[in-house]
Amino acid sequence: MRVISGLKRGHKLKAPKGLEVRPTEDKIKESLFNILGYIDKDSLVLDLFGGSGSIGIEFLSRGARACYFVDISSNSISYIKDNLSHTDLNEFATVIKSDAIKAIKQLSSSDLKFDYIYLDPPFRHNELLLKVISSLKDYPILKTDGLIIIEHESELILEDKMFVFKKIDERRYGAKTISFFKKLS
């Protein structure tokens, strides 16, 4: 696993071993960022199930202003911090050890608004994903024109409308799918 593009292109990243963390494969990450295109220098990113930090680090490498990394696992938090140190991106990162729902509430109380919220919850935890989306409705930390990006198993079909968010695109990569949501206008 490595940083695909930007300032830190080619830097290798470490990921926890085992089934708890499934790092996004390089080909999926490359496709995702081709779809997103230019990352504005003022972009604020939330990597909500951070794992190794690979996605948030890619956003930072491509010029995002800052990224908040959240994970409940101490092991994952350690890998995120190591990868941020290795890529010299610590000054652009905030790492939070918390469950996703508590983190959303905490970030909301700080009046933060994100351009991108990346969700890669544990597979087959569909109720957790719905709770997170509901929390994003209740605690509006997504900018009006912001984007929620969900990496999920392909067998999970996400509705075209989830609470106040509408699906605007979906890409399938074998067993994984990336779905893109925006706020309803």
Protein backbone atom coordinates (compact mmCIF):
# COMPACT_ATOMS: atom_id res chain seq x y z
CA MET A 1 0.00 0.00 0.00
CA ARG A 2 1.32 3.41 -0.95
CA VAL A 3 0.44 7.04 -1.56
CA ILE A 4 -0.70 7.18 -5.21
CA SER A 5 -0.19 10.84 -6.12
CA GLY A 6 0.64 14.33 -4.93
CA LEU A 7 3.38 15.63 -2.65
CA LYS A 8 3.92 12.28 -0.90
CA ARG A 9 3.59 10.08 -3.98
CA GLY A 10 5.29 6.71 -3.64
CA HIS A 11 5.56 6.72 0.17
CA LYS A 12 4.78 3.25 1.46
CA LEU A 13 2.13 2.96 4.17
CA LYS A 14 1.72 0.31 6.85
CA ALA A 15 -1.59 -1.36 7.68
CA PRO A 16 -2.69 -3.48 10.63
CA LYS A 17 -2.73 -7.21 10.02
CA GLY A 18 -5.91 -9.27 10.24
CA LEU A 19 -9.49 -8.91 9.12
CA GLU A 20 -10.41 -5.89 11.27
CA VAL A 21 -8.86 -3.45 8.79
CA ARG A 22 -9.22 -3.83 5.03
CA PRO A 23 -7.04 -1.16 3.44
CA THR A 24 -8.43 0.29 0.24
CA GLU A 25 -6.55 -1.29 -2.64
CA ASP A 26 -4.34 1.03 -4.68
CA LYS A 27 -6.37 0.50 -7.88
CA ILE A 28 -9.62 1.46 -6.08
CA LYS A 29 -7.94 4.45 -4.43
CA GLU A 30 -6.55 5.60 -7.78
CA SER A 31 -9.98 5.27 -9.40
CA LEU A 32 -11.64 7.13 -6.50
CA PHE A 33 -9.29 10.09 -6.82
CA ASN A 34 -9.65 10.12 -10.61
CA ILE A 35 -13.41 10.46 -10.06
CA LEU A 36 -12.94 13.24 -7.48
CA GLY A 37 -10.43 15.09 -9.62
CA TYR A 38 -8.81 18.23 -8.26
CA ILE A 39 -8.75 18.48 -4.46
CA ASP A 40 -9.11 22.13 -3.46
CA LYS A 41 -6.38 23.49 -1.16
CA ASP A 42 -9.04 24.62 1.34
CA SER A 43 -10.66 21.18 1.59
CA LEU A 44 -11.35 19.76 5.03
CA VAL A 45 -11.59 15.96 5.14
CA LEU A 46 -12.97 13.47 7.67
CA ASP A 47 -11.69 9.88 7.42
CA LEU A 48 -14.24 8.37 9.80
CA PHE A 49 -13.13 4.74 10.04
CA GLY A 50 -9.46 5.61 9.54
CA GLY A 51 -7.88 2.13 9.66
CA SER A 52 -4.36 2.81 8.38
CA GLY A 53 -5.09 6.43 7.41
CA SER A 54 -4.45 5.66 3.75
CA ILE A 55 -7.43 7.61 2.34
CA GLY A 56 -6.96 10.71 4.49
CA ILE A 57 -3.23 10.72 3.74
CA GLU A 58 -4.01 10.56 0.02
CA PHE A 59 -6.29 13.60 0.39
CA LEU A 60 -3.51 15.46 2.21
CA SER A 61 -0.91 14.44 -0.37
CA ARG A 62 -3.19 15.87 -3.07
CA GLY A 63 -3.43 19.21 -1.32
CA ALA A 64 -6.31 19.11 1.18
CA ARG A 65 -5.88 21.69 3.96
CA ALA A 66 -6.46 19.24 6.83
CA CYS A 67 -7.81 15.80 7.66
CA TYR A 68 -9.41 14.43 10.80
CA PHE A 69 -8.80 10.71 11.28
CA VAL A 70 -11.16 8.78 13.56
CA ASP A 71 -10.95 5.16 14.65
CA ILE A 72 -12.02 3.26 17.74
CA SER A 73 -9.09 0.81 17.61
CA SER A 74 -5.90 1.71 19.48
CA ASN A 75 -4.01 -0.45 16.98
CA SER A 76 -5.40 1.51 14.02
CA ILE A 77 -4.69 4.84 15.75
CA SER A 78 -1.07 3.74 16.17
CA TYR A 79 -0.79 2.90 12.44
CA ILE A 80 -2.41 6.19 11.44
CA LYS A 81 0.08 8.13 13.58
CA ASP A 82 3.03 6.13 12.22
CA ASN A 83 1.91 6.69 8.62
CA LEU A 84 1.42 10.42 9.24
CA SER A 85 4.91 10.65 10.73
CA HIS A 86 6.42 8.68 7.85
CA THR A 87 4.82 11.02 5.31
CA ASP A 88 5.56 14.19 7.34
CA LEU A 89 1.88 15.16 7.34
CA ASN A 90 1.33 15.42 11.11
CA GLU A 91 0.81 19.19 11.05
CA PHE A 92 -2.22 18.77 8.75
CA ALA A 93 -3.84 15.98 10.75
CA THR A 94 -5.95 15.53 13.85
CA VAL A 95 -6.24 11.94 15.10
CA ILE A 96 -9.17 11.03 17.34
CA LYS A 97 -9.63 7.70 19.13
CA SER A 98 -13.39 7.38 19.36
CA ASP A 99 -16.37 5.55 17.99
CA ALA A 100 -17.86 7.18 14.91
CA ILE A 101 -21.09 8.49 16.46
CA LYS A 102 -19.34 10.17 19.41
CA ALA A 103 -16.77 11.67 17.03
CA ILE A 104 -19.50 13.17 14.82
CA LYS A 105 -21.12 14.78 17.88
CA GLN A 106 -17.75 16.06 19.12
CA LEU A 107 -16.82 17.52 15.71
CA SER A 108 -20.25 19.14 15.42
CA SER A 109 -19.75 20.95 18.73
CA SER A 110 -16.52 22.39 17.27
CA ASP A 111 -18.50 23.91 14.36
CA LEU A 112 -16.40 22.05 11.79
CA LYS A 113 -17.79 21.61 8.28
CA PHE A 114 -16.20 19.03 5.99
CA ASP A 115 -15.86 19.02 2.20
CA TYR A 116 -15.36 15.24 2.15
CA ILE A 117 -16.45 12.60 4.65
CA TYR A 118 -15.04 9.16 3.86
CA LEU A 119 -16.79 6.19 5.47
CA ASP A 120 -15.31 2.71 5.36
CA PRO A 121 -17.11 0.96 8.24
CA PRO A 122 -16.49 -2.68 9.05
CA PHE A 123 -18.15 -4.82 6.38
CA ARG A 124 -21.46 -6.38 7.28
CA HIS A 125 -22.11 -3.75 9.97
CA ASN A 126 -25.01 -2.23 8.04
CA GLU A 127 -26.78 -0.95 11.16
CA LEU A 128 -23.66 0.97 12.13
CA LEU A 129 -23.50 2.57 8.68
CA LEU A 130 -27.17 3.66 8.96
CA LYS A 131 -26.54 5.10 12.44
CA VAL A 132 -23.57 7.06 11.10
CA ILE A 133 -25.57 8.45 8.17
CA SER A 134 -28.40 9.36 10.57
CA SER A 135 -25.88 11.11 12.83
CA LEU A 136 -24.56 13.07 9.86
CA LYS A 137 -28.16 14.23 9.31
CA ASP A 138 -28.61 15.16 12.99
CA TYR A 139 -25.19 16.78 13.37
CA PRO A 140 -24.63 18.57 10.04
CA ILE A 141 -20.84 18.55 9.73
CA LEU A 142 -20.95 18.16 5.93
CA LYS A 143 -20.74 21.40 3.95
CA THR A 144 -23.76 22.19 1.79
CA ASP A 145 -21.87 21.15 -1.34
CA GLY A 146 -19.81 18.49 0.45
CA LEU A 147 -19.54 14.82 -0.46
CA ILE A 148 -19.99 11.64 1.57
CA ILE A 149 -18.01 8.75 0.11
CA ILE A 150 -18.89 5.26 1.34
CA GLU A 151 -16.76 2.19 0.71
CA HIS A 152 -18.86 -0.93 1.25
CA GLU A 153 -19.31 -4.52 0.18
CA SER A 154 -20.90 -4.78 -3.25
CA GLU A 155 -23.68 -7.03 -1.98
CA LEU A 156 -24.94 -4.12 0.17
CA ILE A 157 -27.24 -2.04 -2.00
CA LEU A 158 -27.54 1.49 -0.64
CA GLU A 159 -30.79 3.35 -1.26
CA ASP A 160 -30.74 6.28 -3.70
CA LYS A 161 -31.93 8.49 -0.83
CA MET A 162 -30.73 8.06 2.75
CA PHE A 163 -32.25 10.58 5.16
CA VAL A 164 -31.25 14.00 3.72
CA PHE A 165 -28.62 12.62 1.34
CA LYS A 166 -28.97 11.46 -2.25
CA LYS A 167 -26.74 9.05 -4.14
CA ILE A 168 -25.10 10.80 -7.07
CA ASP A 169 -22.77 8.05 -8.26
CA GLU A 170 -21.71 4.48 -7.52
CA ARG A 171 -18.75 2.46 -8.77
CA ARG A 172 -18.28 -1.26 -8.33
CA TYR A 173 -14.86 -2.91 -8.00
CA GLY A 174 -15.50 -6.63 -7.58
CA ALA A 175 -16.43 -7.28 -3.94
CA LYS A 176 -16.19 -3.56 -3.04
CA THR A 177 -18.31 -0.60 -4.12
CA ILE A 178 -17.79 3.12 -3.65
CA SER A 179 -21.00 5.18 -3.33
CA PHE A 180 -21.13 8.98 -3.43
CA PHE A 181 -23.78 11.02 -1.62
CA LYS A 182 -24.62 14.75 -1.45
CA LYS A 183 -27.17 16.66 0.58
CA LEU A 184 -30.58 16.94 -1.00
CA SER A 185 -31.15 20.43 -2.37
